[in-house]
Protein backbone atom coordinates (compact mmCIF):
# COMPACT_ATOMS: atom_id res chain seq x y z
CA MET A 1 143.34 -43.22 279.46
CA ARG A 2 140.58 -45.16 281.25
CA VAL A 3 141.21 -48.23 279.04
CA THR A 4 144.96 -48.05 279.65
CA THR A 5 144.47 -47.85 283.42
CA LEU A 6 142.05 -50.78 283.38
CA PHE A 7 144.40 -53.08 281.48
CA LEU A 8 147.45 -52.14 283.52
CA THR A 9 145.54 -52.67 286.77
CA THR A 10 144.29 -56.05 285.57
CA ASN A 11 147.78 -57.03 284.50
CA LEU A 12 149.30 -56.15 287.88
CA ALA A 13 146.48 -57.88 289.79
CA VAL A 14 146.87 -61.16 287.93
CA LEU A 15 150.64 -61.10 288.21
CA ALA A 16 150.31 -60.49 291.96
CA MET A 17 147.98 -63.47 292.18
CA LEU A 18 150.66 -65.61 290.56
CA SER A 19 152.99 -64.76 293.43
CA VAL A 20 150.45 -66.30 295.80
CA VAL A 21 150.24 -69.41 293.60
CA LEU A 22 154.01 -69.82 293.80
CA GLN A 23 153.87 -69.67 297.58
CA LEU A 24 151.14 -72.33 297.64
CA PHE A 25 153.43 -74.62 295.65
CA ASN A 26 156.31 -73.85 298.00
CA ILE A 27 158.32 -72.14 295.30
CA ASP A 28 160.31 -69.77 297.43
CA ASN A 29 162.52 -67.82 295.02
CA MET A 30 160.46 -64.61 295.28
CA GLY A 31 163.47 -62.57 294.23
CA ASP A 32 163.43 -64.26 290.87
CA MET A 33 159.66 -63.77 290.68
CA ALA A 34 159.95 -60.03 291.30
CA ALA A 35 162.59 -59.70 288.59
CA LEU A 36 160.42 -61.74 286.23
CA LEU A 37 157.39 -59.53 286.86
CA ILE A 38 159.41 -56.46 285.92
CA PHE A 39 160.84 -58.23 282.87
CA ALA A 40 157.37 -59.37 281.78
CA LEU A 41 155.88 -55.90 282.07
CA ILE A 42 158.75 -54.21 280.24
CA PHE A 43 159.02 -56.68 277.38
CA GLY A 44 155.38 -57.76 277.23
CA MET A 45 153.89 -54.28 277.20
CA GLY A 46 156.91 -52.52 275.74
CA GLY A 47 157.14 -54.71 272.66
CA SER A 48 153.51 -54.12 271.77
CA PHE A 49 153.76 -50.36 272.11
CA ILE A 50 157.01 -50.14 270.17
CA SER A 51 155.25 -52.00 267.34
CA LEU A 52 152.30 -49.62 267.60
CA ALA A 53 154.57 -46.56 267.59
CA MET A 54 156.22 -47.84 264.39
CA SER A 55 152.96 -48.97 262.78
CA LYS A 56 152.49 -45.99 260.47
CA SER A 57 155.97 -46.08 258.98
CA LEU A 58 155.94 -49.89 258.72
CA ALA A 59 152.51 -49.90 257.04
CA LYS A 60 153.67 -47.38 254.45
CA LYS A 61 156.80 -49.40 253.75
CA MET A 62 155.09 -52.79 253.55
CA THR A 63 152.29 -51.63 251.22
CA GLY A 64 154.16 -48.94 249.33
CA ALA A 65 151.44 -46.47 250.35
CA GLN A 66 151.99 -42.92 249.12
CA VAL A 67 150.67 -40.15 251.36
CA ILE A 68 148.67 -37.46 249.58
CA GLU A 69 150.64 -34.32 250.44
CA GLN A 70 148.85 -32.22 247.84
CA PRO A 71 145.92 -33.64 245.83
CA SER A 72 146.90 -34.04 242.18
CA ASN A 73 143.50 -34.92 240.75
CA GLN A 74 139.79 -34.83 241.52
CA ALA A 75 139.74 -38.30 243.07
CA GLU A 76 142.49 -37.41 245.56
CA SER A 77 140.78 -34.13 246.40
CA TRP A 78 137.55 -35.99 247.10
CA LEU A 79 139.40 -38.49 249.35
CA VAL A 80 141.02 -35.71 251.39
CA ASN A 81 137.80 -33.71 251.71
CA THR A 82 135.74 -36.76 252.68
CA VAL A 83 138.14 -37.92 255.42
CA GLN A 84 138.48 -34.35 256.66
CA GLU A 85 134.70 -34.02 257.03
CA GLN A 86 134.44 -37.38 258.77
CA ALA A 87 137.34 -36.61 261.13
CA GLN A 88 135.76 -33.28 262.09
CA ALA A 89 132.38 -34.93 262.66
CA ALA A 90 134.05 -37.59 264.83
CA GLY A 91 136.13 -35.08 266.80
CA ILE A 92 139.62 -36.30 265.90
CA GLY A 93 142.61 -34.73 264.19
CA MET A 94 143.02 -35.04 260.43
CA PRO A 95 144.70 -38.37 259.59
CA GLU A 96 147.29 -38.78 256.87
CA ILE A 97 145.64 -40.17 253.73
CA ALA A 98 147.51 -42.55 251.47
CA ILE A 99 146.91 -44.71 248.41
CA TYR A 100 148.71 -47.98 247.73
CA ASP A 101 148.84 -49.96 244.52
CA SER A 102 146.94 -53.25 244.76
CA PRO A 103 144.20 -54.84 242.64
CA ALA A 104 142.51 -56.11 245.82
CA MET A 105 139.79 -53.99 247.40
CA ASN A 106 141.07 -53.12 250.85
CA ALA A 107 141.85 -50.24 253.19
CA PHE A 108 143.34 -49.86 256.64
CA ALA A 109 143.93 -47.39 259.45
CA THR A 110 146.80 -47.39 261.92
CA GLY A 111 148.73 -45.13 264.24
CA MET A 112 149.41 -44.65 267.94
CA ASN A 113 147.66 -41.29 268.29
CA ARG A 114 144.02 -40.72 267.31
CA ASP A 115 144.98 -37.18 266.23
CA ASP A 116 147.92 -38.35 264.11
CA ALA A 117 146.79 -41.56 262.42
CA LEU A 118 146.95 -42.95 258.88
CA VAL A 119 144.13 -44.01 256.57
CA ALA A 120 145.17 -45.84 253.41
CA VAL A 121 143.10 -47.24 250.55
CA SER A 122 144.05 -49.50 247.67
CA THR A 123 143.75 -48.58 244.01
CA GLY A 124 141.60 -51.69 243.65
CA LEU A 125 139.11 -50.32 246.16
CA LEU A 126 138.97 -46.93 244.45
CA HIS A 127 138.38 -48.53 241.05
CA GLY A 128 136.08 -51.32 242.22
CA MET A 129 133.65 -49.41 244.45
CA THR A 130 131.22 -46.59 243.93
CA GLN A 131 131.92 -43.26 245.60
CA ALA A 132 129.23 -43.94 248.21
CA GLU A 133 130.82 -47.30 249.06
CA VAL A 134 134.31 -45.78 249.33
CA GLU A 135 132.85 -43.12 251.63
CA ALA A 136 131.52 -45.87 253.91
CA VAL A 137 134.88 -47.66 253.94
CA LEU A 138 136.66 -44.43 254.86
CA ALA A 139 134.13 -43.89 257.67
CA HIS A 140 134.83 -47.44 258.88
CA GLU A 141 138.56 -46.70 259.10
CA VAL A 142 137.97 -43.32 260.76
CA SER A 143 135.79 -45.13 263.31
CA HIS A 144 138.70 -47.45 264.13
CA ILE A 145 140.74 -44.35 264.95
CA VAL A 146 137.91 -42.77 266.98
CA ASN A 147 137.46 -45.98 269.00
CA GLY A 148 141.18 -46.21 269.72
CA ASP A 149 141.21 -49.75 268.34
CA MET A 150 144.91 -49.80 267.52
CA VAL A 151 145.86 -48.81 271.08
CA THR A 152 143.33 -51.25 272.57
CA LEU A 153 144.71 -54.18 270.59
CA ALA A 154 148.25 -53.22 271.58
CA LEU A 155 147.20 -53.17 275.24
CA ILE A 156 145.51 -56.55 274.98
CA GLN A 157 148.50 -58.05 273.20
CA GLY A 158 150.87 -56.51 275.76
CA VAL A 159 148.89 -57.89 278.71
CA LEU A 160 148.80 -61.34 277.15
CA ASN A 161 152.51 -61.21 276.32
CA SER A 162 153.22 -60.45 279.99
CA PHE A 163 151.02 -63.34 281.09
CA ILE A 164 152.74 -65.73 278.69
CA ILE A 165 156.19 -64.85 280.03
CA VAL A 166 155.15 -65.28 283.67
CA LEU A 167 152.77 -68.24 283.28
CA ALA A 168 155.28 -70.24 281.23
CA TRP A 169 157.88 -69.66 283.95
CA VAL A 170 155.43 -70.64 286.71
CA ILE A 171 154.23 -73.76 284.89
CA GLY A 172 157.82 -74.80 284.19
CA LEU A 173 158.73 -74.49 287.86
CA ILE A 174 155.63 -76.37 289.01
CA VAL A 175 156.35 -79.23 286.58
CA ASP A 176 159.97 -79.29 287.74
CA ARG A 177 159.09 -79.33 291.46
CA MET A 178 155.90 -81.40 291.53
CA ILE A 179 156.51 -83.97 288.75
CA PHE A 180 160.31 -84.21 288.46
CA LYS A 181 160.80 -83.57 292.21
CA ASN A 182 163.62 -81.12 291.61
CA LYS A 183 163.89 -79.04 294.78
CA SER A 184 166.54 -76.55 293.71
CA GLY A 185 167.42 -74.64 290.55
CA MET A 186 165.71 -75.21 287.22
CA GLY A 187 166.00 -78.70 285.84
CA ILE A 188 164.85 -80.51 282.72
CA GLY A 189 161.25 -80.42 283.94
CA TYR A 190 161.35 -76.63 283.91
CA PHE A 191 162.80 -76.52 280.40
CA PHE A 192 160.22 -78.81 278.81
CA GLY A 193 157.32 -77.57 280.93
CA SER A 194 157.94 -73.90 280.15
CA LYS A 195 158.49 -74.45 276.42
CA ILE A 196 155.31 -76.50 275.99
CA ALA A 197 153.42 -73.93 278.06
CA GLU A 198 154.70 -71.12 275.84
CA ILE A 199 153.41 -72.83 272.70
CA VAL A 200 149.98 -73.49 274.19
CA LEU A 201 149.71 -70.03 275.74
CA VAL A 202 150.70 -68.25 272.52
CA LEU A 203 147.96 -70.11 270.64
CA LEU A 204 145.38 -69.27 273.32
CA ALA A 205 146.52 -65.64 273.38
CA SER A 206 146.15 -65.41 269.60
CA ILE A 207 142.57 -66.67 269.84
CA ILE A 208 141.77 -64.04 272.49
CA VAL A 209 143.34 -61.21 270.47
CA MET A 210 141.47 -62.26 267.33
CA TRP A 211 138.18 -62.39 269.24
CA PHE A 212 138.68 -58.79 270.38
CA SER A 213 139.65 -57.84 266.83
CA ARG A 214 136.42 -59.28 265.45
CA GLN A 215 134.35 -57.33 268.00
CA ARG A 216 136.00 -54.06 267.05
CA GLU A 217 135.08 -54.66 263.41
CA PHE A 218 131.40 -54.68 264.35
CA ARG A 219 131.95 -51.42 266.26
CA ALA A 220 133.73 -49.81 263.30
CA ASP A 221 130.89 -50.88 260.99
CA ALA A 222 128.45 -49.24 263.38
CA GLY A 223 130.60 -46.10 263.42
CA SER A 224 130.57 -46.04 259.62
CA ALA A 225 126.79 -46.35 259.64
CA ARG A 226 126.58 -43.29 261.87
CA LEU A 227 129.07 -41.23 259.86
CA ALA A 228 128.14 -42.24 256.31
CA GLY A 229 124.87 -44.19 256.57
CA ALA A 230 124.05 -47.85 257.15
CA ASP A 231 122.93 -48.42 253.55
CA LYS A 232 126.30 -47.28 252.19
CA MET A 233 128.22 -49.55 254.58
CA ILE A 234 126.01 -52.52 253.74
CA GLN A 235 126.59 -51.87 250.03
CA ALA A 236 130.35 -51.67 250.61
CA LEU A 237 130.37 -55.00 252.48
CA GLN A 238 128.27 -56.61 249.75
CA ARG A 239 130.75 -55.31 247.18
CA LEU A 240 133.60 -56.87 249.16
CA LYS A 241 131.81 -60.23 248.97
CA LYS A 242 131.79 -60.06 245.18
CA GLY A 243 135.20 -58.55 244.53
CA SER A 244 138.86 -59.36 245.08
CA THR A 245 139.66 -58.44 248.68
CA GLY A 246 143.14 -59.93 249.09
CA GLN A 247 145.18 -60.02 252.30
CA LEU A 248 147.33 -57.25 253.67
CA PRO A 249 150.74 -58.12 255.17
CA ASP A 250 150.32 -60.07 258.43
CA GLU A 251 151.59 -57.17 260.52
CA ILE A 252 148.66 -54.92 259.49
CA ALA A 253 146.05 -57.47 258.34
CA ALA A 254 143.93 -56.87 261.44
CA PHE A 255 143.61 -53.20 260.49
CA GLY A 256 142.17 -53.87 257.01
CA ILE A 257 138.53 -53.51 255.98
CA ASN A 258 138.33 -57.24 255.37
CA GLY A 259 140.20 -60.33 256.50
CA SER A 260 140.44 -63.91 255.30
CA LYS A 261 137.50 -65.86 253.92
CA GLY A 262 138.19 -69.01 255.91
CA LYS A 263 135.10 -71.09 256.73
CA SER A 264 136.39 -73.70 259.20
CA LEU A 265 136.21 -73.30 262.97
CA ILE A 266 140.01 -73.08 263.25
CA GLN A 267 140.18 -70.42 260.55
CA HIS A 268 137.41 -68.48 262.28
CA LEU A 269 139.12 -68.62 265.68
CA PHE A 270 142.32 -67.16 264.21
CA SER A 271 140.58 -64.64 261.93
CA SER A 272 140.85 -60.93 262.71
CA HIS A 273 137.53 -60.20 260.97
CA PRO A 274 134.02 -61.64 261.27
CA PRO A 275 132.44 -63.13 258.13
CA LEU A 276 131.04 -60.44 255.86
CA GLU A 277 127.61 -62.06 256.12
CA LYS A 278 127.60 -61.54 259.90
CA ARG A 279 128.65 -57.91 259.54
CA ILE A 280 125.92 -57.22 257.00
CA GLU A 281 123.36 -58.96 259.21
CA ALA A 282 124.40 -56.86 262.22
CA LEU A 283 123.90 -53.62 260.29
CA GLN A 284 120.55 -54.77 258.91
CA GLN A 285 119.30 -55.65 262.38
CA ASN A 286 120.56 -52.38 263.92
CA PRO A 287 121.04 -49.67 261.25
CA TYR A 288 122.06 -47.07 263.87
């Protein structure tokens, strides 16, 4: 609740500041601005939370993940018992546990409610890792739930979506009034100015969201170290370096245990996960 209040307060404060900017540039259609602020909040924040609310069902559909309703073998029983113990230790409700068919070693957690989330692991991860390593991966995903990472990312994305809507409108009007000298209505300067601003702002927003996503991976690794042990998490990350990790669908890639292996600066800026080497180094330096 504290995080939600902080982001909403920040959002409203910045949007209010934009009203002052419009007055400084003698843009006097405050009625339009008020309507835009409401539109930006509804669609900017609303879209993110609708996506979050649908995340569990969409993740199951996109990966073909099958929820374990009743364990049918020893491996499934161990998965359920391990997540149950970790969830109890972390003070959250028991998540749904699912397995999806993929040769890549990966896992993810998603869901809007920390007491009603989903943890899913691939068959490749179950076959390619030791039990201790799988335990660490499960603890990593449980830590995402404990930290409220899915909600936090939705809030960040919603705030940025609202900013993009309003800032693109403001920039378009300023270009139209100050450069094209259009004193009434919205002319060609507004059209081109707002569209170019949207493109630039979306790219900048993506970089910001991915930066936050990378920070939460370090936090989830630390949470895994506390729940399962730092050595187990380090071993799991080292295993990911050697094995086939593969990418999840774009809509849930940020929630996986591992992201892309891009090495360039551009790839890093738009990556949802830090390099595995950096994650291992962080755990070695602070084993929690």
